[in-house]
mmCIF file of all heavy atoms, coordinates in Angstrom:
data_MODEL
# 
_entry.id   MODEL 
# 
loop_
_atom_site.group_PDB 
_atom_site.id 
_atom_site.type_symbol 
_atom_site.label_atom_id 
_atom_site.label_alt_id 
_atom_site.label_comp_id 
_atom_site.label_asym_id 
_atom_site.label_entity_id 
_atom_site.label_seq_id 
_atom_site.pdbx_PDB_ins_code 
_atom_site.Cartn_x 
_atom_site.Cartn_y 
_atom_site.Cartn_z 
_atom_site.occupancy 
_atom_site.B_iso_or_equiv 
_atom_site.pdbx_formal_charge 
_atom_site.auth_seq_id 
_atom_site.auth_comp_id 
_atom_site.auth_asym_id 
_atom_site.auth_atom_id 
_atom_site.pdbx_PDB_model_num 
ATOM 1   N N   . LEU A 1 1  ? 0.879  -1.183  -0.012  1.00 0.00 ? 1  LEU A N   1 
ATOM 2   C CA  . LEU A 1 1  ? -0.036 -0.017  0.013   1.00 0.00 ? 1  LEU A CA  1 
ATOM 3   C C   . LEU A 1 1  ? 0.838  1.220   0.024   1.00 0.00 ? 1  LEU A C   1 
ATOM 4   O O   . LEU A 1 1  ? 0.552  2.214   -0.732  1.00 0.00 ? 1  LEU A O   1 
ATOM 5   C CB  . LEU A 1 1  ? -0.921 -0.049  1.236   1.00 0.00 ? 1  LEU A CB  1 
ATOM 6   C CG  . LEU A 1 1  ? -2.332 -0.515  1.018   1.00 0.00 ? 1  LEU A CG  1 
ATOM 7   C CD1 . LEU A 1 1  ? -3.153 -0.363  2.470   1.00 0.00 ? 1  LEU A CD1 1 
ATOM 8   C CD2 . LEU A 1 1  ? -3.094 0.321   -0.002  1.00 0.00 ? 1  LEU A CD2 1 
ATOM 9   N N   . LYS A 1 2  ? 1.875  1.151   0.834   1.00 0.00 ? 2  LYS A N   1 
ATOM 10  C CA  . LYS A 1 2  ? 2.827  2.443   0.958   1.00 0.00 ? 2  LYS A CA  1 
ATOM 11  C C   . LYS A 1 2  ? 3.426  2.632   -0.447  1.00 0.00 ? 2  LYS A C   1 
ATOM 12  O O   . LYS A 1 2  ? 3.448  3.871   -0.941  1.00 0.00 ? 2  LYS A O   1 
ATOM 13  C CB  . LYS A 1 2  ? 3.912  2.070   1.867   1.00 0.00 ? 2  LYS A CB  1 
ATOM 14  C CG  . LYS A 1 2  ? 4.933  3.262   2.070   1.00 0.00 ? 2  LYS A CG  1 
ATOM 15  C CD  . LYS A 1 2  ? 5.897  2.883   3.162   1.00 0.00 ? 2  LYS A CD  1 
ATOM 16  C CE  . LYS A 1 2  ? 6.900  3.917   3.424   1.00 0.00 ? 2  LYS A CE  1 
ATOM 17  N NZ  . LYS A 1 2  ? 7.933  4.002   2.306   1.00 0.00 ? 2  LYS A NZ  1 
ATOM 18  N N   . GLU A 1 3  ? 3.918  1.641   -1.151  1.00 0.00 ? 3  GLU A N   1 
ATOM 19  C CA  . GLU A 1 3  ? 4.573  1.842   -2.419  1.00 0.00 ? 3  GLU A CA  1 
ATOM 20  C C   . GLU A 1 3  ? 3.608  2.338   -3.516  1.00 0.00 ? 3  GLU A C   1 
ATOM 21  O O   . GLU A 1 3  ? 3.744  3.305   -4.245  1.00 0.00 ? 3  GLU A O   1 
ATOM 22  C CB  . GLU A 1 3  ? 5.111  0.529   -3.047  1.00 0.00 ? 3  GLU A CB  1 
ATOM 23  C CG  . GLU A 1 3  ? 6.401  0.084   -2.153  1.00 0.00 ? 3  GLU A CG  1 
ATOM 24  C CD  . GLU A 1 3  ? 7.534  0.903   -2.281  1.00 0.00 ? 3  GLU A CD  1 
ATOM 25  O OE1 . GLU A 1 3  ? 7.704  1.560   -3.274  1.00 0.00 ? 3  GLU A OE1 1 
ATOM 26  O OE2 . GLU A 1 3  ? 8.236  0.844   -1.343  1.00 0.00 ? 3  GLU A OE2 1 
ATOM 27  N N   . VAL A 1 4  ? 2.268  1.800   -3.504  1.00 0.00 ? 4  VAL A N   1 
ATOM 28  C CA  . VAL A 1 4  ? 1.149  2.283   -4.341  1.00 0.00 ? 4  VAL A CA  1 
ATOM 29  C C   . VAL A 1 4  ? 0.897  3.774   -4.172  1.00 0.00 ? 4  VAL A C   1 
ATOM 30  O O   . VAL A 1 4  ? 0.763  4.604   -5.103  1.00 0.00 ? 4  VAL A O   1 
ATOM 31  C CB  . VAL A 1 4  ? -0.037 1.365   -4.358  1.00 0.00 ? 4  VAL A CB  1 
ATOM 32  C CG1 . VAL A 1 4  ? -1.194 1.981   -5.100  1.00 0.00 ? 4  VAL A CG1 1 
ATOM 33  C CG2 . VAL A 1 4  ? 0.325  -0.028  -4.824  1.00 0.00 ? 4  VAL A CG2 1 
ATOM 34  N N   . ASN A 1 5  ? 0.754  4.059   -2.897  1.00 0.00 ? 5  ASN A N   1 
ATOM 35  C CA  . ASN A 1 5  ? 0.309  5.374   -2.541  1.00 0.00 ? 5  ASN A CA  1 
ATOM 36  C C   . ASN A 1 5  ? 1.435  6.415   -2.919  1.00 0.00 ? 5  ASN A C   1 
ATOM 37  O O   . ASN A 1 5  ? 1.198  7.658   -3.198  1.00 0.00 ? 5  ASN A O   1 
ATOM 38  C CB  . ASN A 1 5  ? -0.108 5.604   -1.123  1.00 0.00 ? 5  ASN A CB  1 
ATOM 39  C CG  . ASN A 1 5  ? -1.393 5.012   -0.746  1.00 0.00 ? 5  ASN A CG  1 
ATOM 40  O OD1 . ASN A 1 5  ? -2.276 5.083   -1.659  1.00 0.00 ? 5  ASN A OD1 1 
ATOM 41  N ND2 . ASN A 1 5  ? -1.563 4.513   0.502   1.00 0.00 ? 5  ASN A ND2 1 
ATOM 42  N N   . GLU A 1 6  ? 2.746  5.991   -2.835  1.00 0.00 ? 6  GLU A N   1 
ATOM 43  C CA  . GLU A 1 6  ? 3.822  6.968   -3.129  1.00 0.00 ? 6  GLU A CA  1 
ATOM 44  C C   . GLU A 1 6  ? 3.968  7.072   -4.544  1.00 0.00 ? 6  GLU A C   1 
ATOM 45  O O   . GLU A 1 6  ? 4.323  8.273   -5.150  1.00 0.00 ? 6  GLU A O   1 
ATOM 46  C CB  . GLU A 1 6  ? 5.137  6.424   -2.541  1.00 0.00 ? 6  GLU A CB  1 
ATOM 47  C CG  . GLU A 1 6  ? 5.181  6.716   -0.934  1.00 0.00 ? 6  GLU A CG  1 
ATOM 48  C CD  . GLU A 1 6  ? 6.432  6.088   -0.371  1.00 0.00 ? 6  GLU A CD  1 
ATOM 49  O OE1 . GLU A 1 6  ? 7.245  5.497   -1.069  1.00 0.00 ? 6  GLU A OE1 1 
ATOM 50  O OE2 . GLU A 1 6  ? 6.678  6.339   0.876   1.00 0.00 ? 6  GLU A OE2 1 
ATOM 51  N N   . ARG A 1 7  ? 3.743  6.072   -5.343  1.00 0.00 ? 7  ARG A N   1 
ATOM 52  C CA  . ARG A 1 7  ? 4.077  6.075   -6.721  1.00 0.00 ? 7  ARG A CA  1 
ATOM 53  C C   . ARG A 1 7  ? 2.970  6.308   -7.567  1.00 0.00 ? 7  ARG A C   1 
ATOM 54  O O   . ARG A 1 7  ? 3.076  6.843   -8.720  1.00 0.00 ? 7  ARG A O   1 
ATOM 55  C CB  . ARG A 1 7  ? 4.837  4.763   -7.417  1.00 0.00 ? 7  ARG A CB  1 
ATOM 56  C CG  . ARG A 1 7  ? 5.894  4.309   -6.556  1.00 0.00 ? 7  ARG A CG  1 
ATOM 57  C CD  . ARG A 1 7  ? 6.534  3.124   -7.287  1.00 0.00 ? 7  ARG A CD  1 
ATOM 58  N NE  . ARG A 1 7  ? 7.573  2.543   -6.562  1.00 0.00 ? 7  ARG A NE  1 
ATOM 59  C CZ  . ARG A 1 7  ? 8.393  1.586   -6.945  1.00 0.00 ? 7  ARG A CZ  1 
ATOM 60  N NH1 . ARG A 1 7  ? 8.380  1.304   -8.232  1.00 0.00 ? 7  ARG A NH1 1 
ATOM 61  N NH2 . ARG A 1 7  ? 9.354  1.054   -6.282  1.00 0.00 ? 7  ARG A NH2 1 
ATOM 62  N N   . GLY A 1 8  ? 1.733  6.129   -7.058  1.00 0.00 ? 8  GLY A N   1 
ATOM 63  C CA  . GLY A 1 8  ? 0.447  6.312   -7.844  1.00 0.00 ? 8  GLY A CA  1 
ATOM 64  C C   . GLY A 1 8  ? 0.176  5.023   -8.642  1.00 0.00 ? 8  GLY A C   1 
ATOM 65  O O   . GLY A 1 8  ? -1.111 4.795   -8.800  1.00 0.00 ? 8  GLY A O   1 
ATOM 66  N N   . TYR A 1 9  ? 1.052  4.337   -9.181  1.00 0.00 ? 9  TYR A N   1 
ATOM 67  C CA  . TYR A 1 9  ? 0.894  3.068   -9.934  1.00 0.00 ? 9  TYR A CA  1 
ATOM 68  C C   . TYR A 1 9  ? 2.105  2.358   -9.795  1.00 0.00 ? 9  TYR A C   1 
ATOM 69  O O   . TYR A 1 9  ? 3.273  2.762   -9.918  1.00 0.00 ? 9  TYR A O   1 
ATOM 70  C CB  . TYR A 1 9  ? 0.482  3.311   -11.464 1.00 0.00 ? 9  TYR A CB  1 
ATOM 71  C CG  . TYR A 1 9  ? 0.350  2.021   -12.105 1.00 0.00 ? 9  TYR A CG  1 
ATOM 72  C CD1 . TYR A 1 9  ? -0.900 1.321   -12.233 1.00 0.00 ? 9  TYR A CD1 1 
ATOM 73  C CD2 . TYR A 1 9  ? 1.412  1.467   -12.820 1.00 0.00 ? 9  TYR A CD2 1 
ATOM 74  C CE1 . TYR A 1 9  ? -0.923 0.165   -12.917 1.00 0.00 ? 9  TYR A CE1 1 
ATOM 75  C CE2 . TYR A 1 9  ? 1.337  0.217   -13.531 1.00 0.00 ? 9  TYR A CE2 1 
ATOM 76  C CZ  . TYR A 1 9  ? 0.068  -0.418  -13.572 1.00 0.00 ? 9  TYR A CZ  1 
ATOM 77  O OH  . TYR A 1 9  ? -0.175 -1.495  -14.199 1.00 0.00 ? 9  TYR A OH  1 
ATOM 78  N N   . ILE A 1 10 ? 1.918  0.882   -9.576  1.00 0.00 ? 10 ILE A N   1 
ATOM 79  C CA  . ILE A 1 10 ? 3.038  -0.036  -9.694  1.00 0.00 ? 10 ILE A CA  1 
ATOM 80  C C   . ILE A 1 10 ? 2.731  -1.253  -10.171 1.00 0.00 ? 10 ILE A C   1 
ATOM 81  O O   . ILE A 1 10 ? 1.467  -1.704  -9.948  1.00 0.00 ? 10 ILE A O   1 
ATOM 82  C CB  . ILE A 1 10 ? 3.777  -0.126  -8.155  1.00 0.00 ? 10 ILE A CB  1 
ATOM 83  C CG1 . ILE A 1 10 ? 4.908  -0.904  -8.183  1.00 0.00 ? 10 ILE A CG1 1 
ATOM 84  C CG2 . ILE A 1 10 ? 2.791  -0.693  -7.239  1.00 0.00 ? 10 ILE A CG2 1 
ATOM 85  C CD1 . ILE A 1 10 ? 5.762  -0.713  -6.907  1.00 0.00 ? 10 ILE A CD1 1 
ATOM 86  N N   . SER A 1 11 ? 3.472  -1.866  -10.941 1.00 0.00 ? 11 SER A N   1 
ATOM 87  C CA  . SER A 1 11 ? 3.199  -3.057  -11.649 1.00 0.00 ? 11 SER A CA  1 
ATOM 88  C C   . SER A 1 11 ? 3.375  -4.373  -10.717 1.00 0.00 ? 11 SER A C   1 
ATOM 89  O O   . SER A 1 11 ? 4.116  -4.268  -9.727  1.00 0.00 ? 11 SER A O   1 
ATOM 90  C CB  . SER A 1 11 ? 4.096  -3.276  -12.987 1.00 0.00 ? 11 SER A CB  1 
ATOM 91  O OG  . SER A 1 11 ? 5.438  -3.510  -12.484 1.00 0.00 ? 11 SER A OG  1 
ATOM 92  N N   . VAL A 1 12 ? 2.722  -5.394  -11.025 1.00 0.00 ? 12 VAL A N   1 
ATOM 93  C CA  . VAL A 1 12 ? 2.853  -6.687  -10.366 1.00 0.00 ? 12 VAL A CA  1 
ATOM 94  C C   . VAL A 1 12 ? 4.320  -7.175  -10.352 1.00 0.00 ? 12 VAL A C   1 
ATOM 95  O O   . VAL A 1 12 ? 4.797  -7.684  -9.349  1.00 0.00 ? 12 VAL A O   1 
ATOM 96  C CB  . VAL A 1 12 ? 1.913  -7.751  -10.923 1.00 0.00 ? 12 VAL A CB  1 
ATOM 97  C CG1 . VAL A 1 12 ? 2.272  -9.204  -10.360 1.00 0.00 ? 12 VAL A CG1 1 
ATOM 98  C CG2 . VAL A 1 12 ? 0.509  -7.492  -10.674 1.00 0.00 ? 12 VAL A CG2 1 
ATOM 99  N N   . GLU A 1 13 ? 4.964  -6.979  -11.565 1.00 0.00 ? 13 GLU A N   1 
ATOM 100 C CA  . GLU A 1 13 ? 6.443  -7.430  -11.725 1.00 0.00 ? 13 GLU A CA  1 
ATOM 101 C C   . GLU A 1 13 ? 7.298  -6.701  -10.662 1.00 0.00 ? 13 GLU A C   1 
ATOM 102 O O   . GLU A 1 13 ? 8.068  -7.316  -10.006 1.00 0.00 ? 13 GLU A O   1 
ATOM 103 C CB  . GLU A 1 13 ? 6.773  -7.213  -13.127 1.00 0.00 ? 13 GLU A CB  1 
ATOM 104 C CG  . GLU A 1 13 ? 8.128  -7.677  -13.481 1.00 0.00 ? 13 GLU A CG  1 
ATOM 105 C CD  . GLU A 1 13 ? 8.487  -7.420  -14.963 1.00 0.00 ? 13 GLU A CD  1 
ATOM 106 O OE1 . GLU A 1 13 ? 7.657  -7.733  -15.806 1.00 0.00 ? 13 GLU A OE1 1 
ATOM 107 O OE2 . GLU A 1 13 ? 9.634  -6.977  -15.166 1.00 0.00 ? 13 GLU A OE2 1 
ATOM 108 N N   . GLU A 1 14 ? 7.116  -5.422  -10.593 1.00 0.00 ? 14 GLU A N   1 
ATOM 109 C CA  . GLU A 1 14 ? 7.865  -4.576  -9.619  1.00 0.00 ? 14 GLU A CA  1 
ATOM 110 C C   . GLU A 1 14 ? 7.632  -4.994  -8.370  1.00 0.00 ? 14 GLU A C   1 
ATOM 111 O O   . GLU A 1 14 ? 8.586  -5.062  -7.442  1.00 0.00 ? 14 GLU A O   1 
ATOM 112 C CB  . GLU A 1 14 ? 7.556  -2.993  -9.833  1.00 0.00 ? 14 GLU A CB  1 
ATOM 113 C CG  . GLU A 1 14 ? 8.119  -2.421  -11.168 1.00 0.00 ? 14 GLU A CG  1 
ATOM 114 C CD  . GLU A 1 14 ? 7.659  -1.040  -11.208 1.00 0.00 ? 14 GLU A CD  1 
ATOM 115 O OE1 . GLU A 1 14 ? 6.493  -0.784  -11.429 1.00 0.00 ? 14 GLU A OE1 1 
ATOM 116 O OE2 . GLU A 1 14 ? 8.426  -0.167  -11.101 1.00 0.00 ? 14 GLU A OE2 1 
ATOM 117 N N   . LEU A 1 15 ? 6.406  -5.265  -7.860  1.00 0.00 ? 15 LEU A N   1 
ATOM 118 C CA  . LEU A 1 15 ? 6.031  -5.681  -6.572  1.00 0.00 ? 15 LEU A CA  1 
ATOM 119 C C   . LEU A 1 15 ? 6.643  -7.023  -6.221  1.00 0.00 ? 15 LEU A C   1 
ATOM 120 O O   . LEU A 1 15 ? 7.068  -7.251  -5.022  1.00 0.00 ? 15 LEU A O   1 
ATOM 121 C CB  . LEU A 1 15 ? 4.563  -5.663  -6.344  1.00 0.00 ? 15 LEU A CB  1 
ATOM 122 C CG  . LEU A 1 15 ? 3.844  -4.219  -6.257  1.00 0.00 ? 15 LEU A CG  1 
ATOM 123 C CD1 . LEU A 1 15 ? 2.368  -4.455  -6.374  1.00 0.00 ? 15 LEU A CD1 1 
ATOM 124 C CD2 . LEU A 1 15 ? 4.253  -3.594  -4.948  1.00 0.00 ? 15 LEU A CD2 1 
ATOM 125 N N   . THR A 1 16 ? 6.703  -7.912  -7.180  1.00 0.00 ? 16 THR A N   1 
ATOM 126 C CA  . THR A 1 16 ? 7.261  -9.271  -6.810  1.00 0.00 ? 16 THR A CA  1 
ATOM 127 C C   . THR A 1 16 ? 8.729  -9.123  -6.516  1.00 0.00 ? 16 THR A C   1 
ATOM 128 O O   . THR A 1 16 ? 9.215  -9.769  -5.643  1.00 0.00 ? 16 THR A O   1 
ATOM 129 C CB  . THR A 1 16 ? 7.044  -10.165 -8.005  1.00 0.00 ? 16 THR A CB  1 
ATOM 130 O OG1 . THR A 1 16 ? 7.684  -9.650  -9.208  1.00 0.00 ? 16 THR A OG1 1 
ATOM 131 C CG2 . THR A 1 16 ? 5.661  -10.590 -8.187  1.00 0.00 ? 16 THR A CG2 1 
ATOM 132 N N   . GLU A 1 17 ? 9.407  -8.288  -7.220  1.00 0.00 ? 17 GLU A N   1 
ATOM 133 C CA  . GLU A 1 17 ? 10.807 -8.037  -6.940  1.00 0.00 ? 17 GLU A CA  1 
ATOM 134 C C   . GLU A 1 17 ? 11.094 -7.265  -5.628  1.00 0.00 ? 17 GLU A C   1 
ATOM 135 O O   . GLU A 1 17 ? 11.877 -7.680  -4.906  1.00 0.00 ? 17 GLU A O   1 
ATOM 136 C CB  . GLU A 1 17 ? 11.577 -7.347  -8.017  1.00 0.00 ? 17 GLU A CB  1 
ATOM 137 C CG  . GLU A 1 17 ? 11.578 -8.023  -9.385  1.00 0.00 ? 17 GLU A CG  1 
ATOM 138 C CD  . GLU A 1 17 ? 12.320 -7.249  -10.501 1.00 0.00 ? 17 GLU A CD  1 
ATOM 139 O OE1 . GLU A 1 17 ? 12.845 -6.099  -10.100 1.00 0.00 ? 17 GLU A OE1 1 
ATOM 140 O OE2 . GLU A 1 17 ? 12.218 -7.600  -11.657 1.00 0.00 ? 17 GLU A OE2 1 
ATOM 141 N N   . LEU A 1 18 ? 10.248 -6.313  -5.441  1.00 0.00 ? 18 LEU A N   1 
ATOM 142 C CA  . LEU A 1 18 ? 10.307 -5.521  -4.144  1.00 0.00 ? 18 LEU A CA  1 
ATOM 143 C C   . LEU A 1 18 ? 10.019 -6.225  -2.975  1.00 0.00 ? 18 LEU A C   1 
ATOM 144 O O   . LEU A 1 18 ? 10.792 -6.123  -1.955  1.00 0.00 ? 18 LEU A O   1 
ATOM 145 C CB  . LEU A 1 18 ? 9.436  -4.227  -4.354  1.00 0.00 ? 18 LEU A CB  1 
ATOM 146 C CG  . LEU A 1 18 ? 9.639  -3.063  -3.427  1.00 0.00 ? 18 LEU A CG  1 
ATOM 147 C CD1 . LEU A 1 18 ? 10.952 -2.463  -3.654  1.00 0.00 ? 18 LEU A CD1 1 
ATOM 148 C CD2 . LEU A 1 18 ? 8.458  -2.055  -3.566  1.00 0.00 ? 18 LEU A CD2 1 
ATOM 149 N N   . LEU A 1 19 ? 9.035  -7.053  -2.941  1.00 0.00 ? 19 LEU A N   1 
ATOM 150 C CA  . LEU A 1 19 ? 8.603  -7.778  -1.842  1.00 0.00 ? 19 LEU A CA  1 
ATOM 151 C C   . LEU A 1 19 ? 9.041  -9.188  -1.695  1.00 0.00 ? 19 LEU A C   1 
ATOM 152 O O   . LEU A 1 19 ? 8.709  -9.899  -0.779  1.00 0.00 ? 19 LEU A O   1 
ATOM 153 C CB  . LEU A 1 19 ? 6.999  -7.720  -1.729  1.00 0.00 ? 19 LEU A CB  1 
ATOM 154 C CG  . LEU A 1 19 ? 6.365  -6.319  -1.681  1.00 0.00 ? 19 LEU A CG  1 
ATOM 155 C CD1 . LEU A 1 19 ? 4.842  -6.337  -1.701  1.00 0.00 ? 19 LEU A CD1 1 
ATOM 156 C CD2 . LEU A 1 19 ? 6.920  -5.540  -0.499  1.00 0.00 ? 19 LEU A CD2 1 
ATOM 157 N N   . ASP A 1 20 ? 9.640  -9.647  -2.783  1.00 0.00 ? 20 ASP A N   1 
ATOM 158 C CA  . ASP A 1 20 ? 10.283 -11.036 -2.743  1.00 0.00 ? 20 ASP A CA  1 
ATOM 159 C C   . ASP A 1 20 ? 9.283  -12.119 -2.607  1.00 0.00 ? 20 ASP A C   1 
ATOM 160 O O   . ASP A 1 20 ? 9.397  -13.055 -1.766  1.00 0.00 ? 20 ASP A O   1 
ATOM 161 C CB  . ASP A 1 20 ? 11.395 -11.050 -1.751  1.00 0.00 ? 20 ASP A CB  1 
ATOM 162 C CG  . ASP A 1 20 ? 12.411 -12.303 -1.967  1.00 0.00 ? 20 ASP A CG  1 
ATOM 163 O OD1 . ASP A 1 20 ? 12.349 -12.848 -3.188  1.00 0.00 ? 20 ASP A OD1 1 
ATOM 164 O OD2 . ASP A 1 20 ? 12.919 -12.850 -1.113  1.00 0.00 ? 20 ASP A OD2 1 
ATOM 165 N N   . VAL A 1 21 ? 8.225  -12.024 -3.302  1.00 0.00 ? 21 VAL A N   1 
ATOM 166 C CA  . VAL A 1 21 ? 7.080  -13.048 -3.272  1.00 0.00 ? 21 VAL A CA  1 
ATOM 167 C C   . VAL A 1 21 ? 6.643  -13.316 -4.684  1.00 0.00 ? 21 VAL A C   1 
ATOM 168 O O   . VAL A 1 21 ? 6.945  -12.630 -5.611  1.00 0.00 ? 21 VAL A O   1 
ATOM 169 C CB  . VAL A 1 21 ? 5.975  -12.567 -2.450  1.00 0.00 ? 21 VAL A CB  1 
ATOM 170 C CG1 . VAL A 1 21 ? 6.269  -12.545 -0.926  1.00 0.00 ? 21 VAL A CG1 1 
ATOM 171 C CG2 . VAL A 1 21 ? 5.377  -11.378 -2.823  1.00 0.00 ? 21 VAL A CG2 1 
ATOM 172 N N   . SER A 1 22 ? 5.805  -14.279 -4.789  1.00 0.00 ? 22 SER A N   1 
ATOM 173 C CA  . SER A 1 22 ? 5.445  -14.670 -6.084  1.00 0.00 ? 22 SER A CA  1 
ATOM 174 C C   . SER A 1 22 ? 4.354  -13.723 -6.695  1.00 0.00 ? 22 SER A C   1 
ATOM 175 O O   . SER A 1 22 ? 3.639  -12.898 -5.891  1.00 0.00 ? 22 SER A O   1 
ATOM 176 C CB  . SER A 1 22 ? 4.819  -16.071 -6.165  1.00 0.00 ? 22 SER A CB  1 
ATOM 177 O OG  . SER A 1 22 ? 3.613  -16.180 -5.415  1.00 0.00 ? 22 SER A OG  1 
ATOM 178 N N   . ALA A 1 23 ? 4.200  -13.765 -8.059  1.00 0.00 ? 23 ALA A N   1 
ATOM 179 C CA  . ALA A 1 23 ? 3.170  -12.791 -8.588  1.00 0.00 ? 23 ALA A CA  1 
ATOM 180 C C   . ALA A 1 23 ? 1.842  -13.263 -8.248  1.00 0.00 ? 23 ALA A C   1 
ATOM 181 O O   . ALA A 1 23 ? 0.973  -12.354 -7.949  1.00 0.00 ? 23 ALA A O   1 
ATOM 182 C CB  . ALA A 1 23 ? 3.215  -12.917 -10.149 1.00 0.00 ? 23 ALA A CB  1 
ATOM 183 N N   . GLN A 1 24 ? 1.580  -14.605 -7.997  1.00 0.00 ? 24 GLN A N   1 
ATOM 184 C CA  . GLN A 1 24 ? 0.236  -15.024 -7.467  1.00 0.00 ? 24 GLN A CA  1 
ATOM 185 C C   . GLN A 1 24 ? -0.113 -14.468 -6.139  1.00 0.00 ? 24 GLN A C   1 
ATOM 186 O O   . GLN A 1 24 ? -1.178 -14.007 -5.882  1.00 0.00 ? 24 GLN A O   1 
ATOM 187 C CB  . GLN A 1 24 ? 0.394  -16.541 -7.381  1.00 0.00 ? 24 GLN A CB  1 
ATOM 188 C CG  . GLN A 1 24 ? -1.036 -17.234 -7.154  1.00 0.00 ? 24 GLN A CG  1 
ATOM 189 C CD  . GLN A 1 24 ? -1.045 -18.665 -7.187  1.00 0.00 ? 24 GLN A CD  1 
ATOM 190 O OE1 . GLN A 1 24 ? 0.146  -19.197 -7.270  1.00 0.00 ? 24 GLN A OE1 1 
ATOM 191 N NE2 . GLN A 1 24 ? -2.202 -19.338 -7.091  1.00 0.00 ? 24 GLN A NE2 1 
ATOM 192 N N   . THR A 1 25 ? 1.017  -14.325 -5.321  1.00 0.00 ? 25 THR A N   1 
ATOM 193 C CA  . THR A 1 25 ? 0.738  -13.865 -3.908  1.00 0.00 ? 25 THR A CA  1 
ATOM 194 C C   . THR A 1 25 ? 0.435  -12.322 -4.067  1.00 0.00 ? 25 THR A C   1 
ATOM 195 O O   . THR A 1 25 ? -0.601 -11.758 -3.313  1.00 0.00 ? 25 THR A O   1 
ATOM 196 C CB  . THR A 1 25 ? 2.009  -13.986 -2.986  1.00 0.00 ? 25 THR A CB  1 
ATOM 197 O OG1 . THR A 1 25 ? 2.237  -15.355 -2.879  1.00 0.00 ? 25 THR A OG1 1 
ATOM 198 C CG2 . THR A 1 25 ? 1.808  -13.336 -1.624  1.00 0.00 ? 25 THR A CG2 1 
ATOM 199 N N   . ILE A 1 26 ? 1.147  -11.553 -4.931  1.00 0.00 ? 26 ILE A N   1 
ATOM 200 C CA  . ILE A 1 26 ? 0.878  -10.167 -5.037  1.00 0.00 ? 26 ILE A CA  1 
ATOM 201 C C   . ILE A 1 26 ? -0.557 -9.992  -5.668  1.00 0.00 ? 26 ILE A C   1 
ATOM 202 O O   . ILE A 1 26 ? -1.211 -8.986  -5.149  1.00 0.00 ? 26 ILE A O   1 
ATOM 203 C CB  . ILE A 1 26 ? 1.905  -9.504  -6.079  1.00 0.00 ? 26 ILE A CB  1 
ATOM 204 C CG1 . ILE A 1 26 ? 3.417  -9.517  -5.480  1.00 0.00 ? 26 ILE A CG1 1 
ATOM 205 C CG2 . ILE A 1 26 ? 1.527  -8.137  -6.461  1.00 0.00 ? 26 ILE A CG2 1 
ATOM 206 C CD1 . ILE A 1 26 ? 3.454  -8.677  -4.187  1.00 0.00 ? 26 ILE A CD1 1 
# 
Protein backbone atom coordinates (compact mmCIF):
# COMPACT_ATOMS: atom_id res chain seq x y z
CA LEU A 1 0.00 0.00 0.00
CA LYS A 2 2.81 2.39 0.88
CA GLU A 3 4.50 1.84 -2.49
CA VAL A 4 1.25 2.28 -4.42
CA ASN A 5 0.36 5.48 -2.55
CA GLU A 6 3.82 6.96 -3.09
CA ARG A 7 4.11 6.09 -6.79
CA GLY A 8 0.49 6.32 -7.89
CA TYR A 9 0.83 3.08 -9.87
CA ILE A 10 3.09 0.05 -9.61
CA SER A 11 3.18 -3.15 -11.65
CA VAL A 12 2.86 -6.71 -10.34
CA GLU A 13 6.34 -7.41 -11.69
CA GLU A 14 7.88 -4.56 -9.69
CA LEU A 15 6.04 -5.65 -6.55
CA THR A 16 7.23 -9.25 -6.82
CA GLU A 17 10.86 -8.05 -6.92
CA LEU A 18 10.36 -5.47 -4.20
CA LEU A 19 8.54 -7.78 -1.77
CA ASP A 20 10.30 -11.00 -2.82
CA VAL A 21 7.12 -13.04 -3.24
CA SER A 22 5.39 -14.69 -6.19
CA ALA A 23 3.17 -12.85 -8.65
CA GLN A 24 0.28 -15.03 -7.50
CA THR A 25 0.73 -13.78 -3.91
CA ILE A 26 0.88 -10.16 -5.09
